Amino acid sequence: MTDAASPTHADAVPAPARTDALPARASAPGTDAVAVRVARAGELGDLQSIELAAGELFRAIGMVDVAEHPPPEIEVLDSHRRAGHAWVAVGPDDRPIGFALVKLVDGAAHLEQISVHPDHGRQGIGRRLIDHVDRWAAAQGMPAITLTTCRGVAWNAPYYARLGFRELSTAELTPGLVEIRDKETAMGLDPAERVVMRREIETPDVTG
């Protein structure tokens, strides 16, 4: 999802569900064979297919509206790409199997969307993408990564907590995060089931 108003916002990391959105691959690469790089213009349709496939996991838990939400439009994906805020995880064949989109919110790197194709779920690829964003944000001098996600879905808030994200209290929300939360509520998402999270970026100590 590309906008804070989109219900799969940062919510679809492992997705062992629909497998027909992209052509089948003979085997899934190990994590060591996966690379992360910037997205290319000709790959944006693949990102839509990955998003659709990853979103199907929500159908199995009754979140049909999320599963049926359309992927970001090509123009939206391309705006992230042209800004340098779109990355893909690729296997040995250099084809995208996952992606991450970021926008800047109040000086932090806000993780707009991270999705991994179900053929390649549960292999640490989501973590690889997040760590890549972390290194990019550190190089930009940003203090943290933020995201919004579902509180009670196992592969959402609990997953991010294991990766070092913590829930922000209402008092800790910056104006941009409040705006994102309010847009989600206006879309019909239950604010009680949504959570805003943040992970501080550790910068190396170069003072010696």
Protein backbone atom coordinates (compact mmCIF):
# COMPACT_ATOMS: atom_id res chain seq x y z
CA MET A 1 0.00 0.00 0.00
CA THR A 2 1.27 3.37 -0.80
CA ASP A 3 -0.76 5.89 1.12
CA ALA A 4 -1.50 5.96 4.82
CA ALA A 5 -5.15 5.63 3.87
CA SER A 6 -4.56 2.24 2.31
CA PRO A 7 -5.47 -0.61 4.68
CA THR A 8 -2.51 -2.88 4.07
CA HIS A 9 -0.12 -0.21 5.27
CA ALA A 10 3.08 -2.02 6.29
CA ASP A 11 0.94 -5.06 7.00
CA ALA A 12 1.89 -7.75 4.51
CA VAL A 13 5.39 -9.02 5.17
CA PRO A 14 5.06 -12.83 5.11
CA ALA A 15 2.28 -13.88 2.78
CA PRO A 16 1.91 -17.63 2.20
CA ALA A 17 -1.30 -17.32 0.24
CA ARG A 18 -2.12 -16.58 -3.40
CA THR A 19 0.62 -17.70 -5.75
CA ASP A 20 -0.78 -16.91 -9.17
CA ALA A 21 -0.01 -13.20 -9.38
CA LEU A 22 3.50 -13.80 -10.69
CA PRO A 23 4.77 -16.66 -12.85
CA ALA A 24 5.81 -19.62 -10.73
CA ARG A 25 9.48 -20.05 -9.99
CA ALA A 26 11.22 -23.39 -9.80
CA SER A 27 12.44 -22.87 -6.25
CA ALA A 28 12.73 -20.14 -3.67
CA PRO A 29 16.21 -18.67 -3.19
CA GLY A 30 17.86 -18.78 0.20
CA THR A 31 18.27 -15.49 2.02
CA ASP A 32 21.95 -15.36 1.06
CA ALA A 33 20.93 -15.38 -2.61
CA VAL A 34 18.61 -12.40 -2.15
CA ALA A 35 19.81 -8.88 -2.91
CA VAL A 36 18.13 -5.55 -2.23
CA ARG A 37 18.40 -2.73 -4.75
CA VAL A 38 16.45 0.27 -6.00
CA ALA A 39 13.31 -0.47 -7.98
CA ARG A 40 13.32 0.05 -11.76
CA ALA A 41 10.58 1.59 -13.86
CA GLY A 42 9.88 -1.63 -15.74
CA GLU A 43 9.26 -3.56 -12.51
CA LEU A 44 6.35 -1.57 -11.13
CA GLY A 45 3.76 -4.00 -12.49
CA ASP A 46 5.56 -6.79 -10.64
CA LEU A 47 5.26 -4.79 -7.42
CA GLN A 48 1.50 -4.56 -7.92
CA SER A 49 1.34 -8.34 -8.39
CA ILE A 50 3.41 -8.93 -5.25
CA GLU A 51 1.10 -6.66 -3.27
CA LEU A 52 -2.01 -8.48 -4.48
CA ALA A 53 -0.53 -11.86 -3.66
CA ALA A 54 0.71 -10.82 -0.23
CA GLY A 55 -2.62 -9.24 0.64
CA GLU A 56 -4.45 -12.53 0.18
CA LEU A 57 -3.19 -13.72 3.57
CA PHE A 58 -5.68 -11.33 5.16
CA ARG A 59 -8.59 -13.10 3.50
CA ALA A 60 -7.80 -16.23 5.50
CA ILE A 61 -8.32 -14.34 8.76
CA GLY A 62 -11.51 -12.63 7.65
CA MET A 63 -10.02 -9.27 6.67
CA VAL A 64 -11.59 -9.34 3.24
CA ASP A 65 -11.53 -5.57 2.73
CA VAL A 66 -7.76 -5.59 3.13
CA ALA A 67 -7.32 -8.55 0.80
CA GLU A 68 -9.44 -6.93 -1.89
CA HIS A 69 -7.91 -3.48 -1.65
CA PRO A 70 -6.31 -2.57 -4.99
CA PRO A 71 -2.53 -2.23 -5.15
CA PRO A 72 -0.91 1.18 -5.53
CA GLU A 73 -1.30 2.67 -8.97
CA ILE A 74 1.72 2.64 -11.27
CA GLU A 75 1.95 6.43 -11.03
CA VAL A 76 2.15 6.25 -7.24
CA LEU A 77 4.79 3.53 -7.31
CA ASP A 78 6.75 5.51 -9.86
CA SER A 79 6.70 8.61 -7.69
CA HIS A 80 8.38 6.61 -4.93
CA ARG A 81 10.87 5.19 -7.41
CA ARG A 82 11.77 8.59 -8.83
CA ALA A 83 12.23 9.95 -5.32
CA GLY A 84 14.63 7.10 -4.53
CA HIS A 85 12.24 5.69 -1.93
CA ALA A 86 11.41 2.29 -3.48
CA TRP A 87 13.53 -0.85 -3.10
CA VAL A 88 13.08 -4.42 -4.25
CA ALA A 89 14.37 -7.72 -2.97
CA VAL A 90 15.47 -9.87 -5.91
CA GLY A 91 16.52 -13.47 -6.31
CA PRO A 92 19.33 -14.84 -8.48
CA ASP A 93 17.30 -14.09 -11.61
CA ASP A 94 17.17 -10.39 -10.59
CA ARG A 95 13.36 -10.42 -10.52
CA PRO A 96 11.50 -8.71 -7.65
CA ILE A 97 10.15 -11.01 -4.94
CA GLY A 98 9.46 -8.30 -2.39
CA PHE A 99 9.52 -4.53 -2.05
CA ALA A 100 9.53 -1.64 0.38
CA LEU A 101 8.24 1.90 -0.07
CA VAL A 102 9.19 4.81 2.15
CA LYS A 103 8.12 8.41 2.54
CA LEU A 104 9.53 11.10 4.80
CA VAL A 105 7.32 11.97 7.76
CA ASP A 106 8.48 14.57 10.23
CA GLY A 107 12.14 13.85 9.59
CA ALA A 108 11.87 10.06 9.90
CA ALA A 109 11.68 7.30 7.28
CA HIS A 110 8.07 6.14 7.30
CA LEU A 111 7.65 2.61 5.97
CA GLU A 112 4.67 2.99 3.67
CA GLN A 113 4.57 -0.61 2.52
CA ILE A 114 6.58 -3.77 2.72
CA SER A 115 5.42 -6.90 0.92
CA VAL A 116 6.98 -10.25 0.06
CA HIS A 117 5.54 -12.63 -2.52
CA PRO A 118 4.09 -15.74 -0.81
CA ASP A 119 6.40 -18.00 -2.80
CA HIS A 120 9.23 -16.45 -0.81
CA GLY A 121 7.61 -15.82 2.57
CA ARG A 122 9.10 -16.70 5.95
CA GLN A 123 12.69 -16.52 4.70
CA GLY A 124 13.81 -13.30 6.39
CA ILE A 125 13.30 -11.21 3.25
CA GLY A 126 11.09 -8.68 5.02
CA ARG A 127 13.80 -8.21 7.62
CA ARG A 128 16.37 -7.73 4.86
CA LEU A 129 14.26 -5.00 3.29
CA ILE A 130 13.75 -3.23 6.62
CA ASP A 131 17.45 -3.40 7.43
CA HIS A 132 18.23 -1.92 4.02
CA VAL A 133 15.84 0.96 4.70
CA ASP A 134 17.49 1.37 8.11
CA ARG A 135 20.94 1.74 6.55
CA TRP A 136 19.61 4.15 3.95
CA ALA A 137 17.90 6.26 6.60
CA ALA A 138 21.04 6.28 8.74
CA ALA A 139 23.04 7.57 5.77
CA GLN A 140 20.47 10.38 5.40
CA GLY A 141 20.88 11.32 9.06
CA MET A 142 17.36 10.25 10.01
CA PRO A 143 16.70 9.23 13.60
CA ALA A 144 14.15 6.46 13.13
CA ILE A 145 11.85 4.32 10.99
CA THR A 146 8.12 4.54 11.66
CA LEU A 147 5.11 2.58 10.42
CA THR A 148 1.45 1.85 11.10
CA THR A 149 0.10 -1.67 11.21
CA CYS A 150 -2.52 -4.00 12.70
CA ARG A 151 -2.24 -4.60 16.41
CA GLY A 152 -3.68 -8.11 16.59
CA VAL A 153 -2.37 -9.74 13.40
CA ALA A 154 0.54 -12.06 14.14
CA TRP A 155 2.64 -10.98 11.17
CA ASN A 156 2.02 -7.29 11.83
CA ALA A 157 2.67 -5.56 15.18
CA PRO A 158 4.14 -8.64 16.93
CA TYR A 159 6.46 -9.21 13.96
CA TYR A 160 7.71 -5.63 14.01
CA ALA A 161 8.15 -5.76 17.78
CA ARG A 162 10.52 -8.69 17.31
CA LEU A 163 12.51 -6.51 14.90
CA GLY A 164 12.93 -3.78 17.50
CA PHE A 165 9.94 -1.53 16.80
CA ARG A 166 8.00 -0.19 19.76
CA GLU A 167 4.46 1.13 19.97
CA LEU A 168 4.12 4.88 20.25
CA SER A 169 1.69 6.41 22.70
CA THR A 170 -0.71 9.09 21.51
CA ALA A 171 1.45 11.71 23.20
CA GLU A 172 4.47 10.57 21.17
CA LEU A 173 2.83 10.92 17.77
CA THR A 174 4.24 13.63 15.55
CA PRO A 175 1.83 15.74 13.45
CA GLY A 176 2.52 13.67 10.35
CA LEU A 177 1.82 10.41 12.16
CA VAL A 178 -1.39 11.85 13.57
CA GLU A 179 -2.44 12.71 10.02
CA ILE A 180 -1.71 9.17 8.85
CA ARG A 181 -3.67 7.68 11.75
CA ASP A 182 -6.61 10.01 11.08
CA LYS A 183 -6.66 9.07 7.38
CA GLU A 184 -6.79 5.40 8.28
CA THR A 185 -9.67 6.04 10.66
CA ALA A 186 -11.52 8.00 7.97
CA MET A 187 -11.17 4.97 5.68
CA GLY A 188 -13.04 2.89 8.23
CA LEU A 189 -10.13 1.18 9.95
CA ASP A 190 -10.73 0.71 13.68
CA PRO A 191 -8.20 2.92 15.49
CA ALA A 192 -8.24 0.50 18.41
CA GLU A 193 -6.86 -2.18 16.08
CA ARG A 194 -4.17 0.06 14.56
CA VAL A 195 -0.80 0.81 16.08
CA VAL A 196 1.93 3.32 15.24
CA MET A 197 5.44 1.97 15.78
CA ARG A 198 8.96 3.34 15.69
CA ARG A 199 12.48 1.89 15.62
CA GLU A 200 15.40 4.11 16.46
CA ILE A 201 18.29 4.04 14.01
CA GLU A 202 21.56 3.13 15.60
CA THR A 203 24.37 5.22 14.20
CA PRO A 204 27.91 3.98 14.67
CA ASP A 205 30.00 5.73 17.31
CA VAL A 206 32.86 7.37 15.46
CA THR A 207 34.28 9.28 18.41
CA GLY A 208 36.72 6.49 19.17
